[in-house]
Amino acid sequence: MSGPLGGWDDKKISHEKLVWSARFDERFWIEVQSIGEFTADLVIYDHNNNNEELLREGVQLCYEAAFGPDADDVYAWKQRVIRFIDTEFKK
């Protein structure tokens, strides 16, 4: 377990393993971190709790994401984040 590849206040993040990142509810920092050619980890950090890692799970990439993520992938990641925060996260 390690910390985020990007930072909460970074305007542009250029880490080679970072496929996508987003803030959620002004509390959670979300990243998709490449771990292979067509695979990555979806990671949710609690920014209000020293970037505690709340969830890490493998996700598929529609393609290698060399030019950014596929819109369908991003939609699926957002839905997973919402489902986790709303139903699995113990506040």
Protein backbone atom coordinates (compact mmCIF):
# COMPACT_ATOMS: atom_id res chain seq x y z
CA MET A 1 0.00 0.00 0.00
CA SER A 2 1.42 3.35 -0.99
CA GLY A 3 0.11 6.86 -1.35
CA PRO A 4 -1.49 8.55 -4.34
CA LEU A 5 0.48 9.14 -7.53
CA GLY A 6 -1.02 12.62 -7.81
CA GLY A 7 -1.81 15.36 -5.38
CA TRP A 8 -5.06 16.93 -4.26
CA ASP A 9 -4.01 20.41 -5.40
CA ASP A 10 -2.02 19.45 -8.51
CA LYS A 11 -3.29 21.17 -11.65
CA LYS A 12 -1.56 18.71 -13.97
CA ILE A 13 -0.39 15.25 -13.00
CA SER A 14 2.00 13.48 -15.31
CA HIS A 15 2.96 10.26 -13.52
CA GLU A 16 3.51 7.53 -16.10
CA LYS A 17 1.34 5.01 -14.21
CA LEU A 18 -1.60 7.38 -13.65
CA VAL A 19 -4.41 6.69 -16.13
CA TRP A 20 -7.13 8.85 -14.53
CA SER A 21 -7.76 10.81 -11.34
CA ALA A 22 -10.61 12.77 -9.80
CA ARG A 23 -11.89 14.35 -6.62
CA PHE A 24 -15.17 13.14 -5.21
CA ASP A 25 -17.35 14.88 -2.60
CA GLU A 26 -14.43 17.17 -1.66
CA ARG A 27 -13.15 14.30 0.47
CA PHE A 28 -12.06 11.41 -1.70
CA TRP A 29 -9.17 11.25 -4.15
CA ILE A 30 -9.67 8.66 -6.88
CA GLU A 31 -6.97 7.22 -9.10
CA VAL A 32 -6.70 4.53 -11.74
CA GLN A 33 -3.11 3.30 -11.69
CA SER A 34 -1.75 1.23 -14.55
CA ILE A 35 -0.30 -2.11 -13.52
CA GLY A 36 -0.13 -3.81 -16.92
CA GLU A 37 -0.86 -3.41 -20.60
CA PHE A 38 -4.66 -3.62 -20.24
CA THR A 39 -5.04 -3.70 -16.46
CA ALA A 40 -5.03 -1.16 -13.69
CA ASP A 41 -6.05 -0.64 -10.08
CA LEU A 42 -8.92 1.63 -9.11
CA VAL A 43 -7.86 3.24 -5.82
CA ILE A 44 -9.92 5.42 -3.49
CA TYR A 45 -8.13 7.53 -0.88
CA ASP A 46 -9.68 9.44 2.01
CA HIS A 47 -8.12 12.89 1.68
CA ASN A 48 -9.56 13.96 5.06
CA ASN A 49 -7.77 11.07 6.77
CA ASN A 50 -4.17 11.51 5.55
CA ASN A 51 -4.91 9.79 2.21
CA GLU A 52 -5.85 6.51 3.83
CA GLU A 53 -6.40 3.91 1.13
CA LEU A 54 -10.02 2.78 1.32
CA LEU A 55 -10.31 0.58 -1.75
CA ARG A 56 -7.95 -0.97 -4.27
CA GLU A 57 -9.34 -3.29 -6.89
CA GLY A 58 -8.31 -4.43 -10.32
CA VAL A 59 -10.01 -3.00 -13.37
CA GLN A 60 -9.68 -3.63 -17.09
CA LEU A 61 -8.71 -1.00 -19.62
CA CYS A 62 -10.42 -1.07 -23.03
CA TYR A 63 -7.01 -0.34 -24.52
CA GLU A 64 -3.55 0.59 -23.27
CA ALA A 65 -4.67 4.16 -22.37
CA ALA A 66 -1.59 5.75 -23.92
CA PHE A 67 -3.70 8.78 -24.92
CA GLY A 68 -6.04 8.76 -21.96
CA PRO A 69 -8.81 6.48 -20.75
CA ASP A 70 -11.78 5.28 -22.75
CA ALA A 71 -15.06 7.06 -21.91
CA ASP A 72 -16.76 3.73 -21.12
CA ASP A 73 -13.98 2.85 -18.68
CA VAL A 74 -14.30 6.23 -16.93
CA TYR A 75 -18.07 5.79 -16.64
CA ALA A 76 -17.63 2.34 -15.08
CA TRP A 77 -15.01 3.65 -12.62
CA LYS A 78 -17.27 6.52 -11.56
CA GLN A 79 -20.15 4.13 -10.97
CA ARG A 80 -17.92 1.86 -8.87
CA VAL A 81 -16.73 4.83 -6.78
CA ILE A 82 -20.29 5.98 -6.15
CA ARG A 83 -21.40 2.47 -5.21
CA PHE A 84 -18.46 2.08 -2.81
CA ILE A 85 -18.96 5.47 -1.10
CA ASP A 86 -22.74 5.08 -0.85
CA THR A 87 -22.99 1.46 0.25
CA GLU A 88 -19.66 0.04 1.46
CA PHE A 89 -17.74 2.90 3.09
CA LYS A 90 -18.15 3.16 6.84
CA LYS A 91 -18.18 6.88 7.59
